[in-house]
Amino acid sequence: MNNYNNNNNDAVIVEEERYEFIATVISYIGLILSLIGATIALYISYTSYKRSIQNAGSGNGYGAVTAAVIA
């Protein structure tokens, strides 16, 4: 009986470690996705900011600058 209990405990520990590993992998995937999303958002805002600065330079610019600030 004692031997069976030890084996069962080992199995439970292994299963818990596996779930912990799965959770770690999922959280790392989420971290990577959020970093990618932040990079894309920064890139989009940077390009629109550059475009609005160019528009302001060419003279038709106030609407674009305010739109960039609001966005």
C-alpha atoms as a PDB file:
ATOM      1  CA  MET A   1       0.000   0.000   0.000  1.00  0.00           C
ATOM      2  CA  ASN A   2       2.773   2.415   0.909  1.00  0.00           C
ATOM      3  CA  ASN A   3       4.549   1.721  -2.363  1.00  0.00           C
ATOM      4  CA  TYR A   4       1.398   2.493  -4.355  1.00  0.00           C
ATOM      5  CA  ASN A   5       1.020   5.819  -2.552  1.00  0.00           C
ATOM      6  CA  ASN A   6       4.563   6.859  -3.418  1.00  0.00           C
ATOM      7  CA  ASN A   7       4.028   6.077  -7.081  1.00  0.00           C
ATOM      8  CA  ASN A   8       0.792   8.030  -7.095  1.00  0.00           C
ATOM      9  CA  ASN A   9       2.477  11.059  -5.517  1.00  0.00           C
ATOM     10  CA  ASP A  10       5.244  10.940  -8.108  1.00  0.00           C
ATOM     11  CA  ALA A  11       2.666  10.876 -10.897  1.00  0.00           C
ATOM     12  CA  VAL A  12       0.828  13.852  -9.403  1.00  0.00           C
ATOM     13  CA  ILE A  13       4.080  15.823  -9.091  1.00  0.00           C
ATOM     14  CA  VAL A  14       4.985  15.078 -12.704  1.00  0.00           C
ATOM     15  CA  GLU A  15       1.535  16.164 -13.856  1.00  0.00           C
ATOM     16  CA  GLU A  16       1.738  19.405 -11.863  1.00  0.00           C
ATOM     17  CA  GLU A  17       5.132  20.170 -13.375  1.00  0.00           C
ATOM     18  CA  ARG A  18       3.720  19.538 -16.837  1.00  0.00           C
ATOM     19  CA  TYR A  19       0.838  21.955 -16.232  1.00  0.00           C
ATOM     20  CA  GLU A  20       3.309  24.502 -14.853  1.00  0.00           C
ATOM     21  CA  PHE A  21       5.422  24.124 -17.984  1.00  0.00           C
ATOM     22  CA  ILE A  22       2.364  24.561 -20.219  1.00  0.00           C
ATOM     23  CA  ALA A  23       1.376  27.697 -18.304  1.00  0.00           C
ATOM     24  CA  THR A  24       4.913  29.058 -18.645  1.00  0.00           C
ATOM     25  CA  VAL A  25       4.895  28.425 -22.393  1.00  0.00           C
ATOM     26  CA  ILE A  26       1.505  30.120 -22.766  1.00  0.00           C
ATOM     27  CA  SER A  27       2.638  33.153 -20.769  1.00  0.00           C
ATOM     28  CA  TYR A  28       5.803  33.437 -22.858  1.00  0.00           C
ATOM     29  CA  ILE A  29       3.705  33.261 -26.038  1.00  0.00           C
ATOM     30  CA  GLY A  30       1.503  36.038 -24.676  1.00  0.00           C
ATOM     31  CA  LEU A  31       4.554  38.125 -23.798  1.00  0.00           C
ATOM     32  CA  ILE A  32       5.997  37.700 -27.293  1.00  0.00           C
ATOM     33  CA  LEU A  33       2.661  38.559 -28.918  1.00  0.00           C
ATOM     34  CA  SER A  34       2.270  41.682 -26.805  1.00  0.00           C
ATOM     35  CA  LEU A  35       5.812  42.777 -27.680  1.00  0.00           C
ATOM     36  CA  ILE A  36       5.046  42.263 -31.377  1.00  0.00           C
ATOM     37  CA  GLY A  37       1.802  44.211 -31.029  1.00  0.00           C
ATOM     38  CA  ALA A  38       3.548  47.054 -29.202  1.00  0.00           C
ATOM     39  CA  THR A  39       6.207  47.197 -31.918  1.00  0.00           C
ATOM     40  CA  ILE A  40       3.558  47.346 -34.649  1.00  0.00           C
ATOM     41  CA  ALA A  41       1.634  50.069 -32.800  1.00  0.00           C
ATOM     42  CA  LEU A  42       4.797  52.115 -32.288  1.00  0.00           C
ATOM     43  CA  TYR A  43       5.684  51.750 -35.964  1.00  0.00           C
ATOM     44  CA  ILE A  44       2.213  52.828 -37.107  1.00  0.00           C
ATOM     45  CA  SER A  45       2.161  55.843 -34.811  1.00  0.00           C
ATOM     46  CA  TYR A  46       5.686  56.808 -35.876  1.00  0.00           C
ATOM     47  CA  THR A  47       4.844  56.670 -39.587  1.00  0.00           C
ATOM     48  CA  SER A  48       1.640  58.667 -39.110  1.00  0.00           C
ATOM     49  CA  TYR A  49       3.571  61.197 -37.029  1.00  0.00           C
ATOM     50  CA  LYS A  50       6.171  61.539 -39.780  1.00  0.00           C
ATOM     51  CA  ARG A  51       3.423  61.962 -42.377  1.00  0.00           C
ATOM     52  CA  SER A  52       1.736  64.660 -40.315  1.00  0.00           C
ATOM     53  CA  ILE A  53       5.053  66.487 -39.893  1.00  0.00           C
ATOM     54  CA  GLN A  54       5.565  66.312 -43.667  1.00  0.00           C
ATOM     55  CA  ASN A  55       2.057  67.674 -44.234  1.00  0.00           C
ATOM     56  CA  ALA A  56       2.733  70.487 -41.800  1.00  0.00           C
ATOM     57  CA  GLY A  57       5.955  71.254 -43.650  1.00  0.00           C
ATOM     58  CA  SER A  58       4.174  71.450 -46.985  1.00  0.00           C
ATOM     59  CA  GLY A  59       1.670  73.907 -45.556  1.00  0.00           C
ATOM     60  CA  ASN A  60      -1.627  72.007 -45.260  1.00  0.00           C
ATOM     61  CA  GLY A  61      -0.719  70.669 -41.869  1.00  0.00           C
ATOM     62  CA  TYR A  62      -2.793  71.702 -38.866  1.00  0.00           C
ATOM     63  CA  GLY A  63      -5.537  69.129 -39.319  1.00  0.00           C
ATOM     64  CA  ALA A  64      -3.031  66.327 -39.669  1.00  0.00           C
ATOM     65  CA  VAL A  65      -1.088  67.361 -36.566  1.00  0.00           C
ATOM     66  CA  THR A  66      -4.234  67.580 -34.435  1.00  0.00           C
ATOM     67  CA  ALA A  67      -5.436  64.242 -35.819  1.00  0.00           C
ATOM     68  CA  ALA A  68      -2.097  62.662 -34.886  1.00  0.00           C
ATOM     69  CA  VAL A  69      -2.266  64.145 -31.382  1.00  0.00           C
ATOM     70  CA  ILE A  70      -5.850  62.971 -30.887  1.00  0.00           C
ATOM     71  CA  ALA A  71      -5.055  59.495 -32.177  1.00  0.00           C
END
